[in-house]
Amino acid sequence: MDRNVSQESKQKILQPLSVLRPKFRAIAQSESLTDIDLVFIEEAFERLLLDYDRVFSAMAIPACLWRRTGEIYKANREFAELVGVDGYMLRDGRTCIYELMAEDSAVNYWEVRVASRLFVVAAYDAQSTQKYGNVAFDSNQKAVLTSCVLRYKPLLPSSGATTPARVKDAQPPPDEEGFISCCFSFTIRRDPYGIPTLIVGNFIKC
């Protein structure tokens, strides 16, 4: 967050995160999770990644998959073309989903304002915090449909450029080329303990 958003936006993001942390702790304590439990959860995450290999290869809608903390672990070619980023940067957690969003959309993604457009600046309130907590941990709420603004060919702090450093001739990174308004839906996949383990997002350019 220090690299991607302003201090004001950072405070807005920390508000819903402060609601989520006690929920994680409560589940961990009530279930008495051991190290081996955490290993099994990670193995289940890896199996889900393999399942989505087939899903992403068969769908033409821009889509990507990220962990609950935002690191993208899989994306299809259509999504890479939509944001103008090398597919290499959209694997294995090299890039975070909020690095590809305009700042207002990144803030509102964490707040999960289901009823509002993600690219409209809105005042933060306690109700939106509770809504994020409900979406994240309520097994009856699996999908969210809204909209967002993506950055096209973003300058990614994680890489220092728009693509990985495989170019022989060192050149200054180009300027970003603009923003893309999208319809945006995401589905939350949870582990056996009800904790969000990964999020699958689909994007359609408006």
N, C-alpha and C. Protein backbone atom coordinates (compact mmCIF):
# COMPACT_ATOMS: atom_id res chain seq x y z
N MET A 1 0.83 -1.21 0.00
CA MET A 1 0.00 0.00 0.00
C MET A 1 0.86 1.25 0.00
N ASP A 2 2.03 1.18 0.64
CA ASP A 2 2.89 2.36 0.70
C ASP A 2 3.30 2.81 -0.69
N ARG A 3 3.41 1.86 -1.63
CA ARG A 3 3.86 2.20 -2.97
C ARG A 3 2.73 2.60 -3.89
N ASN A 4 1.49 2.17 -3.59
CA ASN A 4 0.43 2.27 -4.57
C ASN A 4 -0.67 3.27 -4.27
N VAL A 5 -0.85 3.63 -3.01
CA VAL A 5 -1.97 4.50 -2.67
C VAL A 5 -1.51 5.62 -1.76
N SER A 6 -2.31 6.68 -1.73
CA SER A 6 -2.00 7.81 -0.87
C SER A 6 -2.25 7.44 0.58
N GLN A 7 -1.78 8.29 1.48
CA GLN A 7 -1.96 8.04 2.90
C GLN A 7 -3.44 8.02 3.28
N GLU A 8 -4.22 8.90 2.67
CA GLU A 8 -5.66 8.95 2.96
C GLU A 8 -6.33 7.64 2.54
N SER A 9 -5.99 7.15 1.34
CA SER A 9 -6.57 5.90 0.87
C SER A 9 -6.10 4.73 1.73
N LYS A 10 -4.85 4.79 2.17
CA LYS A 10 -4.32 3.72 3.01
C LYS A 10 -5.13 3.60 4.29
N GLN A 11 -5.51 4.71 4.89
CA GLN A 11 -6.31 4.68 6.11
C GLN A 11 -7.68 4.08 5.85
N LYS A 12 -8.26 4.37 4.68
CA LYS A 12 -9.56 3.80 4.34
C LYS A 12 -9.47 2.28 4.19
N ILE A 13 -8.37 1.81 3.62
CA ILE A 13 -8.19 0.36 3.44
C ILE A 13 -7.97 -0.33 4.77
N LEU A 14 -7.24 0.34 5.66
CA LEU A 14 -6.93 -0.28 6.96
C LEU A 14 -8.19 -0.46 7.82
N GLN A 15 -9.21 0.35 7.58
CA GLN A 15 -10.44 0.22 8.37
C GLN A 15 -11.10 -1.15 8.17
N PRO A 16 -11.42 -1.57 6.93
CA PRO A 16 -12.00 -2.92 6.79
C PRO A 16 -11.04 -4.03 7.19
N LEU A 17 -9.73 -3.83 6.98
CA LEU A 17 -8.77 -4.85 7.39
C LEU A 17 -8.79 -5.02 8.91
N SER A 18 -9.03 -3.95 9.64
CA SER A 18 -9.09 -4.06 11.10
C SER A 18 -10.29 -4.87 11.57
N VAL A 19 -11.32 -4.98 10.71
CA VAL A 19 -12.47 -5.81 11.01
C VAL A 19 -12.16 -7.28 10.70
N LEU A 20 -11.39 -7.50 9.63
CA LEU A 20 -11.10 -8.88 9.22
C LEU A 20 -10.14 -9.59 10.16
N ARG A 21 -9.16 -8.88 10.67
CA ARG A 21 -8.14 -9.52 11.50
C ARG A 21 -8.74 -10.28 12.69
N PRO A 22 -9.64 -9.66 13.47
CA PRO A 22 -10.24 -10.42 14.58
C PRO A 22 -11.00 -11.66 14.12
N LYS A 23 -11.61 -11.60 12.92
CA LYS A 23 -12.32 -12.77 12.41
C LYS A 23 -11.35 -13.91 12.12
N PHE A 24 -10.20 -13.59 11.53
CA PHE A 24 -9.19 -14.62 11.30
C PHE A 24 -8.71 -15.22 12.61
N ARG A 25 -8.44 -14.37 13.57
CA ARG A 25 -7.95 -14.86 14.87
C ARG A 25 -8.99 -15.74 15.55
N ALA A 26 -10.25 -15.32 15.47
CA ALA A 26 -11.31 -16.09 16.13
C ALA A 26 -11.44 -17.48 15.52
N ILE A 27 -11.36 -17.57 14.21
CA ILE A 27 -11.46 -18.88 13.56
C ILE A 27 -10.25 -19.74 13.91
N ALA A 28 -9.06 -19.15 13.87
CA ALA A 28 -7.84 -19.90 14.19
C ALA A 28 -7.89 -20.46 15.61
N GLN A 29 -8.40 -19.65 16.54
CA GLN A 29 -8.46 -20.09 17.94
C GLN A 29 -9.56 -21.13 18.17
N SER A 30 -10.71 -20.92 17.55
CA SER A 30 -11.82 -21.84 17.77
C SER A 30 -11.56 -23.21 17.13
N GLU A 31 -10.85 -23.21 16.00
CA GLU A 31 -10.56 -24.47 15.32
C GLU A 31 -9.24 -25.08 15.77
N SER A 32 -8.48 -24.35 16.59
CA SER A 32 -7.16 -24.83 17.06
C SER A 32 -6.30 -25.29 15.90
N LEU A 33 -6.14 -24.42 14.92
CA LEU A 33 -5.38 -24.78 13.70
C LEU A 33 -3.93 -25.07 14.04
N THR A 34 -3.43 -26.18 13.54
CA THR A 34 -2.03 -26.55 13.74
C THR A 34 -1.25 -26.28 12.47
N ASP A 35 0.06 -26.46 12.53
CA ASP A 35 0.90 -26.26 11.35
C ASP A 35 0.50 -27.20 10.22
N ILE A 36 0.16 -28.43 10.56
CA ILE A 36 -0.23 -29.38 9.52
C ILE A 36 -1.55 -28.98 8.87
N ASP A 37 -2.45 -28.37 9.65
CA ASP A 37 -3.69 -27.86 9.08
C ASP A 37 -3.39 -26.79 8.03
N LEU A 38 -2.45 -25.92 8.35
CA LEU A 38 -2.08 -24.85 7.42
C LEU A 38 -1.45 -25.42 6.16
N VAL A 39 -0.68 -26.49 6.31
CA VAL A 39 -0.09 -27.16 5.14
C VAL A 39 -1.19 -27.72 4.24
N PHE A 40 -2.20 -28.35 4.83
CA PHE A 40 -3.30 -28.90 4.06
C PHE A 40 -4.08 -27.80 3.33
N ILE A 41 -4.25 -26.67 4.00
CA ILE A 41 -4.94 -25.53 3.37
C ILE A 41 -4.15 -25.05 2.15
N GLU A 42 -2.83 -25.00 2.29
CA GLU A 42 -1.99 -24.56 1.17
C GLU A 42 -2.04 -25.58 0.03
N GLU A 43 -2.07 -26.86 0.36
CA GLU A 43 -2.19 -27.88 -0.68
C GLU A 43 -3.52 -27.75 -1.43
N ALA A 44 -4.58 -27.45 -0.69
CA ALA A 44 -5.89 -27.26 -1.32
C ALA A 44 -5.86 -26.06 -2.26
N PHE A 45 -5.15 -25.01 -1.87
CA PHE A 45 -5.00 -23.83 -2.73
C PHE A 45 -4.30 -24.22 -4.03
N GLU A 46 -3.24 -25.01 -3.95
CA GLU A 46 -2.52 -25.42 -5.15
C GLU A 46 -3.41 -26.28 -6.05
N ARG A 47 -4.26 -27.11 -5.48
CA ARG A 47 -5.17 -27.92 -6.29
C ARG A 47 -6.19 -27.05 -7.01
N LEU A 48 -6.66 -26.01 -6.33
CA LEU A 48 -7.58 -25.08 -6.98
C LEU A 48 -6.92 -24.39 -8.17
N LEU A 49 -5.65 -24.04 -8.03
CA LEU A 49 -4.94 -23.43 -9.14
C LEU A 49 -4.93 -24.35 -10.36
N LEU A 50 -4.71 -25.62 -10.13
CA LEU A 50 -4.71 -26.59 -11.23
C LEU A 50 -6.10 -26.69 -11.85
N ASP A 51 -7.14 -26.66 -11.04
CA ASP A 51 -8.51 -26.71 -11.57
C ASP A 51 -8.78 -25.53 -12.48
N TYR A 52 -8.28 -24.36 -12.11
CA TYR A 52 -8.55 -23.16 -12.90
C TYR A 52 -7.69 -23.08 -14.16
N ASP A 53 -6.69 -23.93 -14.31
CA ASP A 53 -5.98 -24.02 -15.58
C ASP A 53 -6.96 -24.35 -16.70
N ARG A 54 -7.80 -25.33 -16.46
CA ARG A 54 -8.78 -25.74 -17.47
C ARG A 54 -9.84 -24.67 -17.67
N VAL A 55 -10.29 -24.08 -16.57
CA VAL A 55 -11.34 -23.07 -16.67
C VAL A 55 -10.87 -21.87 -17.48
N PHE A 56 -9.68 -21.36 -17.17
CA PHE A 56 -9.19 -20.16 -17.83
C PHE A 56 -8.86 -20.42 -19.30
N SER A 57 -8.39 -21.62 -19.61
CA SER A 57 -8.06 -21.92 -21.00
C SER A 57 -9.30 -22.04 -21.87
N ALA A 58 -10.46 -22.28 -21.26
CA ALA A 58 -11.69 -22.50 -22.02
C ALA A 58 -12.56 -21.24 -22.11
N MET A 59 -12.24 -20.20 -21.36
CA MET A 59 -13.09 -19.01 -21.35
C MET A 59 -12.40 -17.84 -22.03
N ALA A 60 -13.21 -17.05 -22.76
CA ALA A 60 -12.67 -15.91 -23.49
C ALA A 60 -12.85 -14.60 -22.75
N ILE A 61 -13.47 -14.65 -21.58
CA ILE A 61 -13.66 -13.44 -20.78
C ILE A 61 -12.40 -13.17 -19.97
N PRO A 62 -11.90 -11.92 -19.95
CA PRO A 62 -10.72 -11.62 -19.12
C PRO A 62 -10.95 -12.03 -17.67
N ALA A 63 -10.03 -12.83 -17.15
CA ALA A 63 -10.20 -13.36 -15.80
C ALA A 63 -8.85 -13.53 -15.13
N CYS A 64 -8.82 -13.38 -13.82
CA CYS A 64 -7.61 -13.66 -13.06
C CYS A 64 -8.00 -14.15 -11.68
N LEU A 65 -7.03 -14.71 -11.01
CA LEU A 65 -7.24 -15.35 -9.70
C LEU A 65 -6.17 -14.83 -8.75
N TRP A 66 -6.60 -14.42 -7.56
CA TRP A 66 -5.62 -13.90 -6.61
C TRP A 66 -5.92 -14.40 -5.20
N ARG A 67 -4.92 -14.37 -4.35
CA ARG A 67 -5.08 -14.76 -2.95
C ARG A 67 -5.85 -13.67 -2.23
N ARG A 68 -6.31 -13.98 -1.01
CA ARG A 68 -7.09 -12.99 -0.26
C ARG A 68 -6.29 -11.73 0.03
N THR A 69 -4.94 -11.83 0.03
CA THR A 69 -4.09 -10.66 0.24
C THR A 69 -3.82 -9.88 -1.04
N GLY A 70 -4.29 -10.38 -2.18
CA GLY A 70 -4.22 -9.60 -3.41
C GLY A 70 -3.23 -10.10 -4.45
N GLU A 71 -2.30 -11.01 -4.11
CA GLU A 71 -1.30 -11.45 -5.07
C GLU A 71 -1.94 -12.32 -6.15
N ILE A 72 -1.74 -11.93 -7.42
CA ILE A 72 -2.31 -12.67 -8.55
C ILE A 72 -1.47 -13.92 -8.81
N TYR A 73 -2.14 -15.07 -8.90
CA TYR A 73 -1.45 -16.33 -9.14
C TYR A 73 -1.79 -16.95 -10.50
N LYS A 74 -2.80 -16.43 -11.15
CA LYS A 74 -3.17 -16.97 -12.45
C LYS A 74 -4.02 -15.95 -13.19
N ALA A 75 -3.84 -15.84 -14.50
CA ALA A 75 -4.66 -14.97 -15.34
C ALA A 75 -4.65 -15.54 -16.75
N ASN A 76 -5.73 -15.31 -17.48
CA ASN A 76 -5.74 -15.78 -18.86
C ASN A 76 -5.21 -14.71 -19.79
N ARG A 77 -5.02 -15.10 -21.04
CA ARG A 77 -4.42 -14.19 -22.03
C ARG A 77 -5.28 -12.95 -22.23
N GLU A 78 -6.61 -13.13 -22.19
CA GLU A 78 -7.51 -11.99 -22.40
C GLU A 78 -7.33 -10.93 -21.33
N PHE A 79 -7.11 -11.34 -20.09
CA PHE A 79 -6.90 -10.35 -19.03
C PHE A 79 -5.56 -9.64 -19.21
N ALA A 80 -4.52 -10.38 -19.58
CA ALA A 80 -3.21 -9.77 -19.81
C ALA A 80 -3.30 -8.72 -20.91
N GLU A 81 -4.07 -9.02 -21.97
CA GLU A 81 -4.23 -8.05 -23.05
C GLU A 81 -5.07 -6.86 -22.61
N LEU A 82 -6.05 -7.10 -21.74
CA LEU A 82 -6.92 -6.01 -21.27
C LEU A 82 -6.11 -4.96 -20.52
N VAL A 83 -5.20 -5.39 -19.66
CA VAL A 83 -4.43 -4.44 -18.84
C VAL A 83 -3.06 -4.13 -19.46
N GLY A 84 -2.70 -4.78 -20.56
CA GLY A 84 -1.43 -4.49 -21.22
C GLY A 84 -0.22 -4.91 -20.41
N VAL A 85 -0.31 -6.04 -19.72
CA VAL A 85 0.78 -6.52 -18.88
C VAL A 85 1.22 -7.89 -19.38
N ASP A 86 2.52 -8.13 -19.40
CA ASP A 86 3.05 -9.43 -19.79
C ASP A 86 2.47 -10.51 -18.88
N GLY A 87 2.05 -11.62 -19.48
CA GLY A 87 1.47 -12.71 -18.71
C GLY A 87 2.40 -13.23 -17.63
N TYR A 88 3.71 -13.07 -17.83
CA TYR A 88 4.69 -13.48 -16.82
C TYR A 88 4.46 -12.78 -15.49
N MET A 89 4.02 -11.53 -15.55
CA MET A 89 3.82 -10.75 -14.33
C MET A 89 2.51 -11.09 -13.63
N LEU A 90 1.68 -11.91 -14.25
CA LEU A 90 0.38 -12.26 -13.69
C LEU A 90 0.36 -13.70 -13.19
N ARG A 91 1.52 -14.15 -12.72
CA ARG A 91 1.64 -15.49 -12.16
C ARG A 91 2.47 -15.45 -10.88
N ASP A 92 2.19 -16.42 -10.01
CA ASP A 92 3.03 -16.68 -8.83
C ASP A 92 3.19 -15.47 -7.91
N GLY A 93 2.18 -14.61 -7.86
CA GLY A 93 2.19 -13.51 -6.89
C GLY A 93 3.11 -12.36 -7.23
N ARG A 94 3.55 -12.24 -8.48
CA ARG A 94 4.47 -11.15 -8.84
C ARG A 94 3.77 -9.79 -8.82
N THR A 95 2.47 -9.79 -9.07
CA THR A 95 1.70 -8.55 -9.13
C THR A 95 0.45 -8.71 -8.28
N CYS A 96 0.02 -7.64 -7.65
CA CYS A 96 -1.21 -7.65 -6.84
C CYS A 96 -2.36 -7.04 -7.62
N ILE A 97 -3.56 -7.50 -7.36
CA ILE A 97 -4.72 -7.01 -8.09
C ILE A 97 -4.91 -5.51 -7.89
N TYR A 98 -4.60 -5.01 -6.69
CA TYR A 98 -4.80 -3.58 -6.46
C TYR A 98 -3.74 -2.72 -7.14
N GLU A 99 -2.64 -3.34 -7.61
CA GLU A 99 -1.68 -2.60 -8.42
C GLU A 99 -2.22 -2.33 -9.82
N LEU A 100 -3.21 -3.09 -10.24
CA LEU A 100 -3.79 -2.94 -11.58
C LEU A 100 -5.04 -2.08 -11.56
N MET A 101 -5.47 -1.64 -10.39
CA MET A 101 -6.67 -0.82 -10.27
C MET A 101 -6.32 0.64 -10.05
N ALA A 102 -7.19 1.52 -10.54
CA ALA A 102 -7.09 2.91 -10.16
C ALA A 102 -7.26 3.02 -8.66
N GLU A 103 -6.70 4.06 -8.06
CA GLU A 103 -6.65 4.15 -6.60
C GLU A 103 -8.03 4.06 -5.97
N ASP A 104 -9.00 4.78 -6.49
CA ASP A 104 -10.35 4.74 -5.92
C ASP A 104 -10.94 3.33 -5.99
N SER A 105 -10.68 2.64 -7.10
CA SER A 105 -11.19 1.28 -7.24
C SER A 105 -10.50 0.33 -6.27
N ALA A 106 -9.20 0.54 -6.06
CA ALA A 106 -8.47 -0.31 -5.11
C ALA A 106 -9.02 -0.13 -3.70
N VAL A 107 -9.29 1.11 -3.32
CA VAL A 107 -9.86 1.37 -1.99
C VAL A 107 -11.22 0.72 -1.86
N ASN A 108 -12.06 0.92 -2.87
CA ASN A 108 -13.42 0.39 -2.78
C ASN A 108 -13.47 -1.12 -2.95
N TYR A 109 -12.45 -1.70 -3.57
CA TYR A 109 -12.39 -3.17 -3.61
C TYR A 109 -12.27 -3.72 -2.19
N TRP A 110 -11.42 -3.12 -1.39
CA TRP A 110 -11.26 -3.59 -0.02
C TRP A 110 -12.50 -3.31 0.81
N GLU A 111 -13.15 -2.20 0.53
CA GLU A 111 -14.37 -1.89 1.28
C GLU A 111 -15.56 -2.69 0.76
N VAL A 112 -15.46 -3.17 -0.48
CA VAL A 112 -16.53 -3.92 -1.13
C VAL A 112 -17.86 -3.19 -1.06
N ARG A 113 -17.93 -2.11 -1.75
CA ARG A 113 -19.19 -1.38 -1.84
C ARG A 113 -20.03 -2.03 -2.93
N VAL A 114 -20.79 -3.03 -2.55
CA VAL A 114 -21.52 -3.83 -3.52
C VAL A 114 -22.52 -2.97 -4.30
N ALA A 115 -23.15 -2.03 -3.64
CA ALA A 115 -24.23 -1.29 -4.28
C ALA A 115 -23.73 -0.07 -5.05
N SER A 116 -22.44 0.24 -4.98
CA SER A 116 -21.95 1.45 -5.65
C SER A 116 -20.94 1.10 -6.71
N ARG A 117 -20.71 1.99 -7.63
CA ARG A 117 -19.72 1.79 -8.69
C ARG A 117 -18.33 2.00 -8.09
N LEU A 118 -17.41 1.09 -8.39
CA LEU A 118 -16.11 1.13 -7.73
C LEU A 118 -15.29 2.34 -8.11
N PHE A 119 -15.55 2.95 -9.27
CA PHE A 119 -14.72 4.07 -9.67
C PHE A 119 -15.30 5.42 -9.26
N VAL A 120 -16.38 5.40 -8.46
CA VAL A 120 -16.94 6.63 -7.92
C VAL A 120 -16.41 6.82 -6.51
N VAL A 121 -15.85 7.99 -6.22
CA VAL A 121 -15.36 8.26 -4.87
C VAL A 121 -16.53 8.37 -3.92
N ALA A 122 -16.49 7.61 -2.84
CA ALA A 122 -17.59 7.61 -1.87
C ALA A 122 -17.02 7.71 -0.48
N ALA A 123 -17.78 8.34 0.40
CA ALA A 123 -17.33 8.47 1.78
C ALA A 123 -17.37 7.13 2.47
N TYR A 124 -16.35 6.88 3.28
CA TYR A 124 -16.28 5.61 4.02
C TYR A 124 -17.22 5.67 5.23
N ASP A 125 -17.89 4.53 5.49
CA ASP A 125 -18.73 4.49 6.68
C ASP A 125 -18.65 3.09 7.28
N ALA A 126 -19.17 2.96 8.51
CA ALA A 126 -19.07 1.69 9.22
C ALA A 126 -19.87 0.61 8.53
N GLN A 127 -20.93 0.98 7.83
CA GLN A 127 -21.78 -0.01 7.18
C GLN A 127 -21.00 -0.75 6.10
N SER A 128 -20.17 -0.03 5.32
CA SER A 128 -19.40 -0.68 4.26
C SER A 128 -18.37 -1.63 4.85
N THR A 129 -17.83 -1.29 6.03
CA THR A 129 -16.89 -2.18 6.69
C THR A 129 -17.56 -3.50 7.04
N GLN A 130 -18.75 -3.41 7.61
CA GLN A 130 -19.48 -4.62 7.96
C GLN A 130 -19.80 -5.42 6.72
N LYS A 131 -20.12 -4.73 5.61
CA LYS A 131 -20.45 -5.44 4.38
C LYS A 131 -19.26 -6.23 3.89
N TYR A 132 -18.06 -5.68 3.97
CA TYR A 132 -16.88 -6.43 3.56
C TYR A 132 -16.73 -7.68 4.42
N GLY A 133 -16.89 -7.53 5.72
CA GLY A 133 -16.78 -8.68 6.60
C GLY A 133 -17.81 -9.74 6.28
N ASN A 134 -19.03 -9.32 5.93
CA ASN A 134 -20.07 -10.28 5.58
C ASN A 134 -19.73 -11.02 4.29
N VAL A 135 -19.26 -10.29 3.30
CA VAL A 135 -18.93 -10.91 2.03
C VAL A 135 -17.78 -11.89 2.19
N ALA A 136 -16.79 -11.52 2.99
CA ALA A 136 -15.60 -12.35 3.12
C ALA A 136 -15.88 -13.64 3.88
N PHE A 137 -16.72 -13.60 4.91
CA PHE A 137 -16.88 -14.74 5.79
C PHE A 137 -18.26 -15.38 5.76
N ASP A 138 -19.22 -14.79 5.07
CA ASP A 138 -20.55 -15.36 4.98
C ASP A 138 -20.58 -16.34 3.81
N SER A 139 -20.71 -17.64 4.12
CA SER A 139 -20.68 -18.66 3.07
C SER A 139 -21.85 -18.55 2.11
N ASN A 140 -22.89 -17.81 2.49
CA ASN A 140 -24.03 -17.62 1.59
C ASN A 140 -23.76 -16.55 0.53
N GLN A 141 -22.71 -15.77 0.72
CA GLN A 141 -22.35 -14.73 -0.24
C GLN A 141 -21.06 -15.14 -0.92
N LYS A 142 -21.19 -15.65 -2.13
CA LYS A 142 -20.03 -16.17 -2.84
C LYS A 142 -19.54 -15.23 -3.94
N ALA A 143 -20.43 -14.42 -4.49
CA ALA A 143 -20.05 -13.60 -5.64
C ALA A 143 -20.51 -12.16 -5.44
N VAL A 144 -19.74 -11.24 -5.99
CA VAL A 144 -20.05 -9.82 -5.95
C VAL A 144 -19.99 -9.28 -7.36
N LEU A 145 -21.00 -8.55 -7.79
CA LEU A 145 -21.05 -7.94 -9.12
C LEU A 145 -21.02 -6.43 -8.96
N THR A 146 -20.05 -5.77 -9.57
CA THR A 146 -19.93 -4.32 -9.44
C THR A 146 -19.15 -3.81 -10.66
N SER A 147 -18.39 -2.76 -10.52
CA SER A 147 -17.58 -2.22 -11.62
C SER A 147 -16.32 -1.59 -11.05
N CYS A 148 -15.33 -1.39 -11.90
CA CYS A 148 -14.06 -0.84 -11.45
C CYS A 148 -13.35 -0.17 -12.60
N VAL A 149 -12.26 0.48 -12.30
CA VAL A 149 -11.39 1.08 -13.31
C VAL A 149 -10.03 0.43 -13.20
N LEU A 150 -9.56 -0.15 -14.32
CA LEU A 150 -8.24 -0.77 -14.37
C LEU A 150 -7.24 0.17 -15.01
N ARG A 151 -6.00 0.04 -14.62
CA ARG A 151 -4.91 0.80 -15.24
C ARG A 151 -4.41 0.02 -16.45
N TYR A 152 -4.22 0.73 -17.58
CA TYR A 152 -3.71 0.09 -18.79
C TYR A 152 -2.21 0.30 -18.89
N LYS A 153 -1.47 -0.79 -19.06
CA LYS A 153 -0.01 -0.78 -19.08
C LYS A 153 0.55 -0.03 -17.87
N PRO A 154 0.20 -0.48 -16.66
CA PRO A 154 0.64 0.23 -15.45
C PRO A 154 2.13 0.08 -15.22
N LEU A 155 2.69 1.06 -14.52
CA LEU A 155 4.07 0.97 -14.07
C LEU A 155 4.05 0.22 -12.75
N LEU A 156 4.44 -1.02 -12.77
CA LEU A 156 4.31 -1.88 -11.60
C LEU A 156 5.51 -1.73 -10.69
N PRO A 157 5.30 -1.28 -9.45
CA PRO A 157 6.43 -1.17 -8.50
C PRO A 157 7.12 -2.49 -8.26
N SER A 158 6.38 -3.59 -8.37
CA SER A 158 6.97 -4.90 -8.11
C SER A 158 7.98 -5.30 -9.16
N SER A 159 7.89 -4.70 -10.35
CA SER A 159 8.82 -5.06 -11.41
C SER A 159 9.70 -3.91 -11.86
N GLY A 160 9.27 -2.67 -11.56
CA GLY A 160 10.01 -1.51 -12.01
C GLY A 160 9.71 -1.15 -13.45
N ALA A 161 8.84 -1.89 -14.10
CA ALA A 161 8.48 -1.64 -15.49
C ALA A 161 7.17 -2.35 -15.77
N THR A 162 6.69 -2.21 -17.03
CA THR A 162 5.44 -2.84 -17.39
C THR A 162 5.61 -4.32 -17.66
N THR A 163 6.79 -4.79 -17.95
CA THR A 163 7.07 -6.19 -18.22
C THR A 163 8.30 -6.60 -17.47
N PRO A 164 8.55 -7.90 -17.28
CA PRO A 164 9.73 -8.33 -16.54
C PRO A 164 11.02 -7.92 -17.21
N ALA A 165 12.08 -7.87 -16.41
CA ALA A 165 13.36 -7.36 -16.90
C ALA A 165 14.06 -8.40 -17.76
N ARG A 166 13.50 -8.62 -18.97
CA ARG A 166 14.12 -9.54 -19.91
C ARG A 166 14.62 -8.81 -21.14
N VAL A 167 14.45 -7.49 -21.15
CA VAL A 167 14.90 -6.69 -22.28
C VAL A 167 16.36 -6.34 -22.08
N LYS A 168 17.16 -6.56 -23.11
CA LYS A 168 18.60 -6.35 -22.98
C LYS A 168 18.94 -4.87 -22.89
N ASP A 169 18.27 -4.05 -23.71
CA ASP A 169 18.58 -2.63 -23.73
C ASP A 169 17.80 -1.93 -22.64
N ALA A 170 18.52 -1.36 -21.67
CA ALA A 170 17.87 -0.66 -20.56
C ALA A 170 17.25 0.63 -21.08
N GLN A 171 15.95 0.78 -20.92
CA GLN A 171 15.24 1.97 -21.36
C GLN A 171 14.36 2.47 -20.23
N PRO A 172 14.13 3.78 -20.17
CA PRO A 172 13.24 4.29 -19.13
C PRO A 172 11.84 3.76 -19.35
N PRO A 173 11.12 3.41 -18.27
CA PRO A 173 9.77 2.88 -18.42
C PRO A 173 8.84 3.90 -19.05
N PRO A 174 7.92 3.48 -19.94
CA PRO A 174 6.99 4.41 -20.57
C PRO A 174 5.94 4.87 -19.58
N ASP A 175 5.25 5.96 -19.93
CA ASP A 175 4.16 6.45 -19.11
C ASP A 175 2.95 5.51 -19.24
N GLU A 176 2.13 5.49 -18.22
CA GLU A 176 0.90 4.73 -18.32
C GLU A 176 0.04 5.31 -19.43
N GLU A 177 -0.74 4.44 -20.06
CA GLU A 177 -1.49 4.84 -21.23
C GLU A 177 -2.96 5.09 -20.96
N GLY A 178 -3.35 5.10 -19.70
CA GLY A 178 -4.73 5.46 -19.40
C GLY A 178 -5.43 4.45 -18.52
N PHE A 179 -6.77 4.54 -18.50
CA PHE A 179 -7.58 3.71 -17.62
C PHE A 179 -8.70 3.06 -18.42
N ILE A 180 -9.20 1.95 -17.90
CA ILE A 180 -10.23 1.18 -18.58
C ILE A 180 -11.37 0.94 -17.59
N SER A 181 -12.54 1.40 -17.94
CA SER A 181 -13.73 1.15 -17.11
C SER A 181 -14.27 -0.23 -17.43
N CYS A 182 -14.53 -1.01 -16.39
CA CYS A 182 -14.96 -2.40 -16.58
C CYS A 182 -16.12 -2.74 -15.67
N CYS A 183 -16.99 -3.64 -16.17
CA CYS A 183 -17.86 -4.38 -15.26
C CYS A 183 -16.99 -5.45 -14.61
N PHE A 184 -17.22 -5.70 -13.35
CA PHE A 184 -16.29 -6.51 -12.57
C PHE A 184 -17.08 -7.39 -11.61
N SER A 185 -16.82 -8.67 -11.67
CA SER A 185 -17.41 -9.58 -10.69
C SER A 185 -16.31 -10.43 -10.10
N PHE A 186 -16.47 -10.80 -8.84
CA PHE A 186 -15.50 -11.72 -8.26
C PHE A 186 -16.20 -12.73 -7.36
N THR A 187 -15.65 -13.93 -7.37
CA THR A 187 -16.18 -15.04 -6.59
C THR A 187 -15.17 -15.45 -5.54
N ILE A 188 -15.63 -15.62 -4.31
CA ILE A 188 -14.75 -15.97 -3.20
C ILE A 188 -14.79 -17.48 -2.99
N ARG A 189 -13.62 -18.10 -3.00
CA ARG A 189 -13.51 -19.52 -2.66
C ARG A 189 -12.92 -19.62 -1.25
N ARG A 190 -13.53 -20.48 -0.44
CA ARG A 190 -13.15 -20.57 0.97
C ARG A 190 -12.58 -21.94 1.30
N ASP A 191 -11.77 -21.99 2.33
CA ASP A 191 -11.22 -23.26 2.78
C ASP A 191 -12.24 -23.94 3.70
N PRO A 192 -11.96 -25.17 4.17
CA PRO A 192 -12.95 -25.87 5.01
C PRO A 192 -13.31 -25.15 6.31
N TYR A 193 -12.50 -24.18 6.72
CA TYR A 193 -12.77 -23.44 7.95
C TYR A 193 -13.54 -22.15 7.70
N GLY A 194 -13.91 -21.90 6.44
CA GLY A 194 -14.68 -20.72 6.10
C GLY A 194 -13.85 -19.48 5.85
N ILE A 195 -12.53 -19.62 5.82
CA ILE A 195 -11.65 -18.48 5.57
C ILE A 195 -11.45 -18.31 4.06
N PRO A 196 -11.61 -17.10 3.52
CA PRO A 196 -11.35 -16.90 2.09
C PRO A 196 -9.93 -17.32 1.74
N THR A 197 -9.82 -18.18 0.72
CA THR A 197 -8.50 -18.66 0.32
C THR A 197 -8.06 -18.07 -1.01
N LEU A 198 -9.02 -17.86 -1.93
CA LEU A 198 -8.69 -17.20 -3.19
C LEU A 198 -9.92 -16.52 -3.74
N ILE A 199 -9.69 -15.58 -4.64
CA ILE A 199 -10.77 -14.82 -5.27
C ILE A 199 -10.58 -14.91 -6.78
N VAL A 200 -11.64 -15.19 -7.50
CA VAL A 200 -11.60 -15.26 -8.95
C VAL A 200 -12.38 -14.08 -9.50
N GLY A 201 -11.73 -13.26 -10.31
CA GLY A 201 -12.38 -12.08 -10.87
C GLY A 201 -12.56 -12.17 -12.37
N ASN A 202 -13.69 -11.67 -12.86
CA ASN A 202 -13.98 -11.59 -14.30
C ASN A 202 -14.23 -10.12 -14.64
N PHE A 203 -13.73 -9.70 -15.79
CA PHE A 203 -13.79 -8.30 -16.18
C PHE A 203 -14.30 -8.18 -17.62
N ILE A 204 -15.21 -7.24 -17.82
CA ILE A 204 -15.69 -6.94 -19.17
C ILE A 204 -15.57 -5.44 -19.37
N LYS A 205 -14.90 -5.03 -20.42
CA LYS A 205 -14.69 -3.62 -20.70
C LYS A 205 -16.01 -2.94 -21.01
N CYS A 206 -16.28 -1.81 -20.35
CA CYS A 206 -17.52 -1.09 -20.55
C CYS A 206 -17.49 -0.31 -21.87
